[in-house]
Amino acid sequence: MKEVLRDIDGWRRAGKRVAIARVIGIEGSGPRDPGATMAVSSDGEVAGSVSGGCVEGAVVTEALEVLNGDGSPRLVTFGYSDDEAFAVGLTCGGTVHLLIESVDRW
């Protein structure tokens, strides 16, 4: 989280809304441990990482939906079986659970 604070602060000072996506659990293999954080500005700028690239695009979409909706937090889950993971070039499957919330609610 510390590595994204400067970006969050700058975006908020510029009048942008910000959503935070945080890994809250993993099942099986996961690219990032619980606590890994990604921030997304209302302009789609990104700081940090929750998956090392595997699902970042989908997380940005979810974060923007939180910002453009009523701002309610949401839980999202992304996962691949071992067979699905291997088919797209990953070494193993796993599931990552994220909490995505607006900084405006803090």
PDB file of N, CA and C in Angstrom:
ATOM      1  N   MET A   1       0.827  -1.192   0.000  1.00  0.00           N
ATOM      2  CA  MET A   1       0.000   0.000   0.000  1.00  0.00           C
ATOM      3  C   MET A   1       0.868   1.250   0.000  1.00  0.00           C
ATOM      4  N   LYS A   2       1.977   1.217   0.724  1.00  0.00           N
ATOM      5  CA  LYS A   2       2.818   2.411   0.817  1.00  0.00           C
ATOM      6  C   LYS A   2       3.275   2.911  -0.542  1.00  0.00           C
ATOM      7  N   GLU A   3       3.553   1.981  -1.463  1.00  0.00           N
ATOM      8  CA  GLU A   3       4.080   2.397  -2.760  1.00  0.00           C
ATOM      9  C   GLU A   3       3.037   3.097  -3.633  1.00  0.00           C
ATOM     10  N   VAL A   4       1.758   3.008  -3.319  1.00  0.00           N
ATOM     11  CA  VAL A   4       0.739   3.678  -4.130  1.00  0.00           C
ATOM     12  C   VAL A   4       0.205   4.957  -3.474  1.00  0.00           C
ATOM     13  N   LEU A   5       0.590   5.227  -2.255  1.00  0.00           N
ATOM     14  CA  LEU A   5       0.055   6.392  -1.540  1.00  0.00           C
ATOM     15  C   LEU A   5       0.361   7.716  -2.232  1.00  0.00           C
ATOM     16  N   ARG A   6       1.555   7.854  -2.764  1.00  0.00           N
ATOM     17  CA  ARG A   6       1.919   9.105  -3.447  1.00  0.00           C
ATOM     18  C   ARG A   6       1.019   9.342  -4.659  1.00  0.00           C
ATOM     19  N   ASP A   7       0.756   8.274  -5.425  1.00  0.00           N
ATOM     20  CA  ASP A   7      -0.121   8.406  -6.590  1.00  0.00           C
ATOM     21  C   ASP A   7      -1.544   8.756  -6.164  1.00  0.00           C
ATOM     22  N   ILE A   8      -2.046   8.080  -5.140  1.00  0.00           N
ATOM     23  CA  ILE A   8      -3.397   8.361  -4.644  1.00  0.00           C
ATOM     24  C   ILE A   8      -3.499   9.819  -4.213  1.00  0.00           C
ATOM     25  N   ASP A   9      -2.529  10.280  -3.464  1.00  0.00           N
ATOM     26  CA  ASP A   9      -2.535  11.660  -2.983  1.00  0.00           C
ATOM     27  C   ASP A   9      -2.538  12.644  -4.154  1.00  0.00           C
ATOM     28  N   GLY A  10      -1.701  12.398  -5.147  1.00  0.00           N
ATOM     29  CA  GLY A  10      -1.635  13.278  -6.313  1.00  0.00           C
ATOM     30  C   GLY A  10      -2.937  13.291  -7.097  1.00  0.00           C
ATOM     31  N   TRP A  11      -3.523  12.117  -7.305  1.00  0.00           N
ATOM     32  CA  TRP A  11      -4.789  12.045  -8.035  1.00  0.00           C
ATOM     33  C   TRP A  11      -5.892  12.784  -7.288  1.00  0.00           C
ATOM     34  N   ARG A  12      -5.950  12.587  -5.984  1.00  0.00           N
ATOM     35  CA  ARG A  12      -7.001  13.253  -5.202  1.00  0.00           C
ATOM     36  C   ARG A  12      -6.808  14.767  -5.209  1.00  0.00           C
ATOM     37  N   ARG A  13      -5.556  15.226  -5.119  1.00  0.00           N
ATOM     38  CA  ARG A  13      -5.302  16.675  -5.181  1.00  0.00           C
ATOM     39  C   ARG A  13      -5.701  17.256  -6.529  1.00  0.00           C
ATOM     40  N   ALA A  14      -5.639  16.430  -7.575  1.00  0.00           N
ATOM     41  CA  ALA A  14      -6.034  16.862  -8.912  1.00  0.00           C
ATOM     42  C   ALA A  14      -7.548  16.750  -9.120  1.00  0.00           C
ATOM     43  N   GLY A  15      -8.260  16.353  -8.080  1.00  0.00           N
ATOM     44  CA  GLY A  15      -9.716  16.265  -8.156  1.00  0.00           C
ATOM     45  C   GLY A  15     -10.250  14.972  -8.737  1.00  0.00           C
ATOM     46  N   LYS A  16      -9.386  13.975  -8.869  1.00  0.00           N
ATOM     47  CA  LYS A  16      -9.818  12.690  -9.419  1.00  0.00           C
ATOM     48  C   LYS A  16     -10.342  11.790  -8.316  1.00  0.00           C
ATOM     49  N   ARG A  17     -11.285  10.953  -8.665  1.00  0.00           N
ATOM     50  CA  ARG A  17     -11.762   9.932  -7.734  1.00  0.00           C
ATOM     51  C   ARG A  17     -10.814   8.746  -7.827  1.00  0.00           C
ATOM     52  N   VAL A  18     -10.741   7.954  -6.755  1.00  0.00           N
ATOM     53  CA  VAL A  18      -9.793   6.847  -6.702  1.00  0.00           C
ATOM     54  C   VAL A  18     -10.454   5.626  -6.076  1.00  0.00           C
ATOM     55  N   ALA A  19     -10.185   4.472  -6.661  1.00  0.00           N
ATOM     56  CA  ALA A  19     -10.608   3.194  -6.090  1.00  0.00           C
ATOM     57  C   ALA A  19      -9.369   2.384  -5.740  1.00  0.00           C
ATOM     58  N   ILE A  20      -9.502   1.621  -4.676  1.00  0.00           N
ATOM     59  CA  ILE A  20      -8.431   0.738  -4.214  1.00  0.00           C
ATOM     60  C   ILE A  20      -8.901  -0.704  -4.376  1.00  0.00           C
ATOM     61  N   ALA A  21      -8.058  -1.540  -4.973  1.00  0.00           N
ATOM     62  CA  ALA A  21      -8.300  -2.981  -5.048  1.00  0.00           C
ATOM     63  C   ALA A  21      -7.255  -3.649  -4.167  1.00  0.00           C
ATOM     64  N   ARG A  22      -7.717  -4.517  -3.272  1.00  0.00           N
ATOM     65  CA  ARG A  22      -6.799  -5.153  -2.327  1.00  0.00           C
ATOM     66  C   ARG A  22      -7.035  -6.659  -2.311  1.00  0.00           C
ATOM     67  N   VAL A  23      -5.951  -7.443  -2.395  1.00  0.00           N
ATOM     68  CA  VAL A  23      -6.057  -8.895  -2.275  1.00  0.00           C
ATOM     69  C   VAL A  23      -6.423  -9.210  -0.829  1.00  0.00           C
ATOM     70  N   ILE A  24      -7.559  -9.907  -0.652  1.00  0.00           N
ATOM     71  CA  ILE A  24      -7.979 -10.266   0.707  1.00  0.00           C
ATOM     72  C   ILE A  24      -7.905 -11.765   0.960  1.00  0.00           C
ATOM     73  N   GLY A  25      -7.623 -12.534  -0.085  1.00  0.00           N
ATOM     74  CA  GLY A  25      -7.464 -13.972   0.091  1.00  0.00           C
ATOM     75  C   GLY A  25      -7.069 -14.641  -1.208  1.00  0.00           C
ATOM     76  N   ILE A  26      -6.412 -15.780  -1.076  1.00  0.00           N
ATOM     77  CA  ILE A  26      -6.058 -16.590  -2.242  1.00  0.00           C
ATOM     78  C   ILE A  26      -6.348 -18.046  -1.922  1.00  0.00           C
ATOM     79  N   GLU A  27      -6.646 -18.798  -2.958  1.00  0.00           N
ATOM     80  CA  GLU A  27      -6.812 -20.247  -2.852  1.00  0.00           C
ATOM     81  C   GLU A  27      -5.892 -20.863  -3.888  1.00  0.00           C
ATOM     82  N   GLY A  28      -5.147 -21.856  -3.493  1.00  0.00           N
ATOM     83  CA  GLY A  28      -4.174 -22.434  -4.414  1.00  0.00           C
ATOM     84  C   GLY A  28      -3.021 -21.474  -4.590  1.00  0.00           C
ATOM     85  N   SER A  29      -2.565 -21.365  -5.817  1.00  0.00           N
ATOM     86  CA  SER A  29      -1.442 -20.491  -6.123  1.00  0.00           C
ATOM     87  C   SER A  29      -1.953 -19.093  -6.434  1.00  0.00           C
ATOM     88  N   GLY A  30      -1.228 -18.093  -5.967  1.00  0.00           N
ATOM     89  CA  GLY A  30      -1.583 -16.713  -6.279  1.00  0.00           C
ATOM     90  C   GLY A  30      -0.328 -15.908  -6.537  1.00  0.00           C
ATOM     91  N   PRO A  31      -0.371 -14.997  -7.501  1.00  0.00           N
ATOM     92  CA  PRO A  31       0.827 -14.234  -7.842  1.00  0.00           C
ATOM     93  C   PRO A  31       1.215 -13.213  -6.773  1.00  0.00           C
ATOM     94  N   ARG A  32       0.255 -12.733  -6.002  1.00  0.00           N
ATOM     95  CA  ARG A  32       0.534 -11.737  -4.954  1.00  0.00           C
ATOM     96  C   ARG A  32      -0.159 -12.182  -3.677  1.00  0.00           C
ATOM     97  N   ASP A  33       0.440 -11.884  -2.554  1.00  0.00           N
ATOM     98  CA  ASP A  33      -0.100 -12.262  -1.250  1.00  0.00           C
ATOM     99  C   ASP A  33      -1.223 -11.327  -0.818  1.00  0.00           C
ATOM    100  N   PRO A  34      -2.060 -11.775   0.124  1.00  0.00           N
ATOM    101  CA  PRO A  34      -3.061 -10.876   0.691  1.00  0.00           C
ATOM    102  C   PRO A  34      -2.399  -9.579   1.174  1.00  0.00           C
ATOM    103  N   GLY A  35      -3.084  -8.482   0.919  1.00  0.00           N
ATOM    104  CA  GLY A  35      -2.548  -7.167   1.239  1.00  0.00           C
ATOM    105  C   GLY A  35      -2.021  -6.438   0.024  1.00  0.00           C
ATOM    106  N   ALA A  36      -1.711  -7.159  -1.050  1.00  0.00           N
ATOM    107  CA  ALA A  36      -1.245  -6.504  -2.274  1.00  0.00           C
ATOM    108  C   ALA A  36      -2.332  -5.533  -2.732  1.00  0.00           C
ATOM    109  N   THR A  37      -1.913  -4.351  -3.181  1.00  0.00           N
ATOM    110  CA  THR A  37      -2.857  -3.268  -3.462  1.00  0.00           C
ATOM    111  C   THR A  37      -2.602  -2.637  -4.822  1.00  0.00           C
ATOM    112  N   MET A  38      -3.699  -2.265  -5.470  1.00  0.00           N
ATOM    113  CA  MET A  38      -3.646  -1.517  -6.713  1.00  0.00           C
ATOM    114  C   MET A  38      -4.632  -0.360  -6.592  1.00  0.00           C
ATOM    115  N   ALA A  39      -4.211   0.816  -7.024  1.00  0.00           N
ATOM    116  CA  ALA A  39      -5.083   1.985  -7.033  1.00  0.00           C
ATOM    117  C   ALA A  39      -5.402   2.333  -8.480  1.00  0.00           C
ATOM    118  N   VAL A  40      -6.646   2.796  -8.700  1.00  0.00           N
ATOM    119  CA  VAL A  40      -7.091   3.175 -10.041  1.00  0.00           C
ATOM    120  C   VAL A  40      -7.770   4.535  -9.943  1.00  0.00           C
ATOM    121  N   SER A  41      -7.324   5.480 -10.757  1.00  0.00           N
ATOM    122  CA  SER A  41      -7.953   6.802 -10.764  1.00  0.00           C
ATOM    123  C   SER A  41      -9.167   6.787 -11.688  1.00  0.00           C
ATOM    124  N   SER A  42      -9.999   7.801 -11.564  1.00  0.00           N
ATOM    125  CA  SER A  42     -11.184   7.902 -12.419  1.00  0.00           C
ATOM    126  C   SER A  42     -10.809   8.079 -13.881  1.00  0.00           C
ATOM    127  N   ASP A  43      -9.565   8.432 -14.165  1.00  0.00           N
ATOM    128  CA  ASP A  43      -9.073   8.521 -15.543  1.00  0.00           C
ATOM    129  C   ASP A  43      -8.487   7.202 -16.042  1.00  0.00           C
ATOM    130  N   GLY A  44      -8.495   6.172 -15.193  1.00  0.00           N
ATOM    131  CA  GLY A  44      -7.958   4.872 -15.575  1.00  0.00           C
ATOM    132  C   GLY A  44      -6.473   4.716 -15.343  1.00  0.00           C
ATOM    133  N   GLU A  45      -5.852   5.672 -14.640  1.00  0.00           N
ATOM    134  CA  GLU A  45      -4.433   5.530 -14.290  1.00  0.00           C
ATOM    135  C   GLU A  45      -4.311   4.454 -13.214  1.00  0.00           C
ATOM    136  N   VAL A  46      -3.194   3.734 -13.223  1.00  0.00           N
ATOM    137  CA  VAL A  46      -3.012   2.612 -12.310  1.00  0.00           C
ATOM    138  C   VAL A  46      -1.691   2.737 -11.568  1.00  0.00           C
ATOM    139  N   ALA A  47      -1.726   2.396 -10.279  1.00  0.00           N
ATOM    140  CA  ALA A  47      -0.514   2.304  -9.457  1.00  0.00           C
ATOM    141  C   ALA A  47      -0.612   1.018  -8.652  1.00  0.00           C
ATOM    142  N   GLY A  48       0.489   0.306  -8.530  1.00  0.00           N
ATOM    143  CA  GLY A  48       0.501  -0.935  -7.772  1.00  0.00           C
ATOM    144  C   GLY A  48       0.038  -2.111  -8.611  1.00  0.00           C
ATOM    145  N   SER A  49      -0.099  -3.269  -7.949  1.00  0.00           N
ATOM    146  CA  SER A  49      -0.463  -4.495  -8.647  1.00  0.00           C
ATOM    147  C   SER A  49      -1.106  -5.479  -7.683  1.00  0.00           C
ATOM    148  N   VAL A  50      -2.107  -6.199  -8.177  1.00  0.00           N
ATOM    149  CA  VAL A  50      -2.723  -7.247  -7.367  1.00  0.00           C
ATOM    150  C   VAL A  50      -2.491  -8.637  -7.947  1.00  0.00           C
ATOM    151  N   SER A  51      -1.933  -8.694  -9.168  1.00  0.00           N
ATOM    152  CA  SER A  51      -1.765 -10.015  -9.767  1.00  0.00           C
ATOM    153  C   SER A  51      -0.518 -10.161 -10.621  1.00  0.00           C
ATOM    154  N   GLY A  52       0.290  -9.142 -10.705  1.00  0.00           N
ATOM    155  CA  GLY A  52       1.457  -9.244 -11.565  1.00  0.00           C
ATOM    156  C   GLY A  52       1.102  -9.272 -13.036  1.00  0.00           C
ATOM    157  N   GLY A  53      -0.109  -8.867 -13.391  1.00  0.00           N
ATOM    158  CA  GLY A  53      -0.505  -8.770 -14.785  1.00  0.00           C
ATOM    159  C   GLY A  53      -1.619  -9.700 -15.216  1.00  0.00           C
ATOM    160  N   CYS A  54      -1.848 -10.782 -14.483  1.00  0.00           N
ATOM    161  CA  CYS A  54      -2.817 -11.793 -14.922  1.00  0.00           C
ATOM    162  C   CYS A  54      -4.234 -11.258 -15.072  1.00  0.00           C
ATOM    163  N   VAL A  55      -4.689 -10.452 -14.123  1.00  0.00           N
ATOM    164  CA  VAL A  55      -6.075  -9.962 -14.156  1.00  0.00           C
ATOM    165  C   VAL A  55      -6.167  -8.450 -13.991  1.00  0.00           C
ATOM    166  N   GLU A  56      -5.057  -7.759 -14.132  1.00  0.00           N
ATOM    167  CA  GLU A  56      -5.044  -6.312 -13.886  1.00  0.00           C
ATOM    168  C   GLU A  56      -6.094  -5.566 -14.717  1.00  0.00           C
ATOM    169  N   GLY A  57      -6.232  -5.906 -15.992  1.00  0.00           N
ATOM    170  CA  GLY A  57      -7.203  -5.223 -16.843  1.00  0.00           C
ATOM    171  C   GLY A  57      -8.621  -5.372 -16.336  1.00  0.00           C
ATOM    172  N   ALA A  58      -8.973  -6.570 -15.903  1.00  0.00           N
ATOM    173  CA  ALA A  58     -10.311  -6.810 -15.370  1.00  0.00           C
ATOM    174  C   ALA A  58     -10.513  -6.058 -14.054  1.00  0.00           C
ATOM    175  N   VAL A  59      -9.464  -5.942 -13.259  1.00  0.00           N
ATOM    176  CA  VAL A  59      -9.555  -5.208 -12.000  1.00  0.00           C
ATOM    177  C   VAL A  59      -9.770  -3.718 -12.264  1.00  0.00           C
ATOM    178  N   VAL A  60      -9.099  -3.174 -13.265  1.00  0.00           N
ATOM    179  CA  VAL A  60      -9.309  -1.768 -13.632  1.00  0.00           C
ATOM    180  C   VAL A  60     -10.772  -1.553 -14.017  1.00  0.00           C
ATOM    181  N   THR A  61     -11.322  -2.451 -14.815  1.00  0.00           N
ATOM    182  CA  THR A  61     -12.724  -2.343 -15.219  1.00  0.00           C
ATOM    183  C   THR A  61     -13.644  -2.353 -14.001  1.00  0.00           C
ATOM    184  N   GLU A  62     -13.411  -3.262 -13.074  1.00  0.00           N
ATOM    185  CA  GLU A  62     -14.225  -3.345 -11.857  1.00  0.00           C
ATOM    186  C   GLU A  62     -14.087  -2.072 -11.021  1.00  0.00           C
ATOM    187  N   ALA A  63     -12.869  -1.571 -10.894  1.00  0.00           N
ATOM    188  CA  ALA A  63     -12.630  -0.361 -10.107  1.00  0.00           C
ATOM    189  C   ALA A  63     -13.352   0.839 -10.719  1.00  0.00           C
ATOM    190  N   LEU A  64     -13.310   0.958 -12.036  1.00  0.00           N
ATOM    191  CA  LEU A  64     -14.002   2.063 -12.698  1.00  0.00           C
ATOM    192  C   LEU A  64     -15.518   1.941 -12.530  1.00  0.00           C
ATOM    193  N   GLU A  65     -16.025   0.716 -12.498  1.00  0.00           N
ATOM    194  CA  GLU A  65     -17.459   0.519 -12.259  1.00  0.00           C
ATOM    195  C   GLU A  65     -17.835   0.958 -10.842  1.00  0.00           C
ATOM    196  N   VAL A  66     -16.970   0.702  -9.876  1.00  0.00           N
ATOM    197  CA  VAL A  66     -17.220   1.183  -8.513  1.00  0.00           C
ATOM    198  C   VAL A  66     -17.269   2.711  -8.517  1.00  0.00           C
ATOM    199  N   LEU A  67     -16.307   3.335  -9.181  1.00  0.00           N
ATOM    200  CA  LEU A  67     -16.247   4.802  -9.203  1.00  0.00           C
ATOM    201  C   LEU A  67     -17.411   5.424  -9.968  1.00  0.00           C
ATOM    202  N   ASN A  68     -17.856   4.769 -11.036  1.00  0.00           N
ATOM    203  CA  ASN A  68     -18.931   5.323 -11.857  1.00  0.00           C
ATOM    204  C   ASN A  68     -20.314   4.912 -11.374  1.00  0.00           C
ATOM    205  N   GLY A  69     -20.374   3.983 -10.440  1.00  0.00           N
ATOM    206  CA  GLY A  69     -21.649   3.546  -9.881  1.00  0.00           C
ATOM    207  C   GLY A  69     -21.956   4.332  -8.620  1.00  0.00           C
ATOM    208  N   ASP A  70     -22.536   3.650  -7.647  1.00  0.00           N
ATOM    209  CA  ASP A  70     -22.899   4.332  -6.399  1.00  0.00           C
ATOM    210  C   ASP A  70     -21.758   4.353  -5.391  1.00  0.00           C
ATOM    211  N   GLY A  71     -20.590   3.828  -5.780  1.00  0.00           N
ATOM    212  CA  GLY A  71     -19.429   3.847  -4.893  1.00  0.00           C
ATOM    213  C   GLY A  71     -19.388   2.727  -3.878  1.00  0.00           C
ATOM    214  N   SER A  72     -20.373   1.819  -3.940  1.00  0.00           N
ATOM    215  CA  SER A  72     -20.397   0.714  -2.980  1.00  0.00           C
ATOM    216  C   SER A  72     -19.215  -0.219  -3.218  1.00  0.00           C
ATOM    217  N   PRO A  73     -18.583  -0.674  -2.145  1.00  0.00           N
ATOM    218  CA  PRO A  73     -17.483  -1.638  -2.287  1.00  0.00           C
ATOM    219  C   PRO A  73     -18.002  -2.932  -2.908  1.00  0.00           C
ATOM    220  N   ARG A  74     -17.100  -3.669  -3.537  1.00  0.00           N
ATOM    221  CA  ARG A  74     -17.505  -4.963  -4.070  1.00  0.00           C
ATOM    222  C   ARG A  74     -16.395  -5.983  -3.881  1.00  0.00           C
ATOM    223  N   LEU A  75     -16.816  -7.210  -3.697  1.00  0.00           N
ATOM    224  CA  LEU A  75     -15.898  -8.342  -3.637  1.00  0.00           C
ATOM    225  C   LEU A  75     -15.898  -8.996  -5.007  1.00  0.00           C
ATOM    226  N   VAL A  76     -14.724  -9.261  -5.534  1.00  0.00           N
ATOM    227  CA  VAL A  76     -14.612  -9.932  -6.828  1.00  0.00           C
ATOM    228  C   VAL A  76     -13.620 -11.083  -6.696  1.00  0.00           C
ATOM    229  N   THR A  77     -13.827 -12.093  -7.508  1.00  0.00           N
ATOM    230  CA  THR A  77     -12.982 -13.281  -7.489  1.00  0.00           C
ATOM    231  C   THR A  77     -12.564 -13.609  -8.908  1.00  0.00           C
ATOM    232  N   PHE A  78     -11.291 -13.903  -9.071  1.00  0.00           N
ATOM    233  CA  PHE A  78     -10.749 -14.328 -10.355  1.00  0.00           C
ATOM    234  C   PHE A  78      -9.997 -15.619 -10.124  1.00  0.00           C
ATOM    235  N   GLY A  79     -10.170 -16.576 -11.015  1.00  0.00           N
ATOM    236  CA  GLY A  79      -9.447 -17.825 -10.826  1.00  0.00           C
ATOM    237  C   GLY A  79      -9.356 -18.655 -12.081  1.00  0.00           C
ATOM    238  N   TYR A  80      -8.382 -19.542 -12.059  1.00  0.00           N
ATOM    239  CA  TYR A  80      -8.152 -20.467 -13.151  1.00  0.00           C
ATOM    240  C   TYR A  80      -7.867 -21.845 -12.568  1.00  0.00           C
ATOM    241  N   SER A  81      -8.415 -22.859 -13.201  1.00  0.00           N
ATOM    242  CA  SER A  81      -8.019 -24.213 -12.839  1.00  0.00           C
ATOM    243  C   SER A  81      -6.602 -24.430 -13.359  1.00  0.00           C
ATOM    244  N   ASP A  82      -5.951 -25.489 -12.906  1.00  0.00           N
ATOM    245  CA  ASP A  82      -4.601 -25.779 -13.397  1.00  0.00           C
ATOM    246  C   ASP A  82      -4.595 -25.953 -14.915  1.00  0.00           C
ATOM    247  N   ASP A  83      -5.608 -26.643 -15.470  1.00  0.00           N
ATOM    248  CA  ASP A  83      -5.677 -26.864 -16.920  1.00  0.00           C
ATOM    249  C   ASP A  83      -5.859 -25.551 -17.675  1.00  0.00           C
ATOM    250  N   GLU A  84      -6.754 -24.679 -17.173  1.00  0.00           N
ATOM    251  CA  GLU A  84      -6.980 -23.385 -17.822  1.00  0.00           C
ATOM    252  C   GLU A  84      -5.713 -22.530 -17.770  1.00  0.00           C
ATOM    253  N   ALA A  85      -5.052 -22.544 -16.631  1.00  0.00           N
ATOM    254  CA  ALA A  85      -3.832 -21.754 -16.470  1.00  0.00           C
ATOM    255  C   ALA A  85      -2.761 -22.211 -17.456  1.00  0.00           C
ATOM    256  N   PHE A  86      -2.572 -23.516 -17.535  1.00  0.00           N
ATOM    257  CA  PHE A  86      -1.563 -24.053 -18.446  1.00  0.00           C
ATOM    258  C   PHE A  86      -1.872 -23.665 -19.890  1.00  0.00           C
ATOM    259  N   ALA A  87      -3.148 -23.651 -20.263  1.00  0.00           N
ATOM    260  CA  ALA A  87      -3.548 -23.328 -21.637  1.00  0.00           C
ATOM    261  C   ALA A  87      -3.187 -21.895 -22.026  1.00  0.00           C
ATOM    262  N   VAL A  88      -3.112 -20.987 -21.049  1.00  0.00           N
ATOM    263  CA  VAL A  88      -2.767 -19.593 -21.364  1.00  0.00           C
ATOM    264  C   VAL A  88      -1.336 -19.244 -20.965  1.00  0.00           C
ATOM    265  N   GLY A  89      -0.538 -20.266 -20.637  1.00  0.00           N
ATOM    266  CA  GLY A  89       0.877 -20.039 -20.385  1.00  0.00           C
ATOM    267  C   GLY A  89       1.268 -19.833 -18.937  1.00  0.00           C
ATOM    268  N   LEU A  90       0.319 -20.006 -17.989  1.00  0.00           N
ATOM    269  CA  LEU A  90       0.671 -19.907 -16.575  1.00  0.00           C
ATOM    270  C   LEU A  90       1.085 -21.278 -16.082  1.00  0.00           C
ATOM    271  N   THR A  91       1.891 -21.325 -15.037  1.00  0.00           N
ATOM    272  CA  THR A  91       2.399 -22.611 -14.572  1.00  0.00           C
ATOM    273  C   THR A  91       1.408 -23.364 -13.701  1.00  0.00           C
ATOM    274  N   CYS A  92       0.463 -22.665 -13.060  1.00  0.00           N
ATOM    275  CA  CYS A  92      -0.525 -23.345 -12.227  1.00  0.00           C
ATOM    276  C   CYS A  92      -1.718 -22.424 -12.000  1.00  0.00           C
ATOM    277  N   GLY A  93      -2.825 -23.031 -11.592  1.00  0.00           N
ATOM    278  CA  GLY A  93      -4.048 -22.277 -11.355  1.00  0.00           C
ATOM    279  C   GLY A  93      -4.115 -21.756  -9.927  1.00  0.00           C
ATOM    280  N   GLY A  94      -5.155 -21.012  -9.663  1.00  0.00           N
ATOM    281  CA  GLY A  94      -5.389 -20.467  -8.341  1.00  0.00           C
ATOM    282  C   GLY A  94      -6.507 -19.455  -8.419  1.00  0.00           C
ATOM    283  N   THR A  95      -6.966 -19.042  -7.255  1.00  0.00           N
ATOM    284  CA  THR A  95      -8.055 -18.079  -7.173  1.00  0.00           C
ATOM    285  C   THR A  95      -7.634 -16.938  -6.274  1.00  0.00           C
ATOM    286  N   VAL A  96      -7.944 -15.723  -6.701  1.00  0.00           N
ATOM    287  CA  VAL A  96      -7.624 -14.534  -5.909  1.00  0.00           C
ATOM    288  C   VAL A  96      -8.934 -13.807  -5.614  1.00  0.00           C
ATOM    289  N   HIS A  97      -9.105 -13.412  -4.355  1.00  0.00           N
ATOM    290  CA  HIS A  97     -10.282 -12.672  -3.910  1.00  0.00           C
ATOM    291  C   HIS A  97      -9.858 -11.238  -3.616  1.00  0.00           C
ATOM    292  N   LEU A  98     -10.600 -10.280  -4.170  1.00  0.00           N
ATOM    293  CA  LEU A  98     -10.262  -8.866  -4.021  1.00  0.00           C
ATOM    294  C   LEU A  98     -11.425  -8.083  -3.425  1.00  0.00           C
ATOM    295  N   LEU A  99     -11.088  -7.070  -2.655  1.00  0.00           N
ATOM    296  CA  LEU A  99     -12.045  -6.071  -2.217  1.00  0.00           C
ATOM    297  C   LEU A  99     -11.708  -4.800  -2.977  1.00  0.00           C
ATOM    298  N   ILE A 100     -12.709  -4.245  -3.660  1.00  0.00           N
ATOM    299  CA  ILE A 100     -12.512  -3.007  -4.400  1.00  0.00           C
ATOM    300  C   ILE A 100     -13.430  -1.955  -3.787  1.00  0.00           C
ATOM    301  N   GLU A 101     -12.847  -0.829  -3.375  1.00  0.00           N
ATOM    302  CA  GLU A 101     -13.636   0.217  -2.751  1.00  0.00           C
ATOM    303  C   GLU A 101     -13.138   1.582  -3.154  1.00  0.00           C
ATOM    304  N   SER A 102     -14.029   2.552  -3.075  1.00  0.00           N
ATOM    305  CA  SER A 102     -13.702   3.931  -3.395  1.00  0.00           C
ATOM    306  C   SER A 102     -13.000   4.583  -2.216  1.00  0.00           C
ATOM    307  N   VAL A 103     -11.935   5.342  -2.514  1.00  0.00           N
ATOM    308  CA  VAL A 103     -11.239   6.097  -1.471  1.00  0.00           C
ATOM    309  C   VAL A 103     -12.153   7.207  -0.950  1.00  0.00           C
ATOM    310  N   ASP A 104     -13.085   7.647  -1.785  1.00  0.00           N
ATOM    311  CA  ASP A 104     -14.001   8.711  -1.377  1.00  0.00           C
ATOM    312  C   ASP A 104     -14.804   8.332  -0.146  1.00  0.00           C
ATOM    313  N   ARG A 105     -14.974   7.052   0.089  1.00  0.00           N
ATOM    314  CA  ARG A 105     -15.758   6.598   1.238  1.00  0.00           C
ATOM    315  C   ARG A 105     -14.942   6.587   2.516  1.00  0.00           C
ATOM    316  N   TRP A 106     -13.626   6.799   2.438  1.00  0.00           N
ATOM    317  CA  TRP A 106     -12.770   6.757   3.627  1.00  0.00           C
ATOM    318  C   TRP A 106     -12.861   8.031   4.400  1.00  0.00           C
TER     319      TRP A 106
END
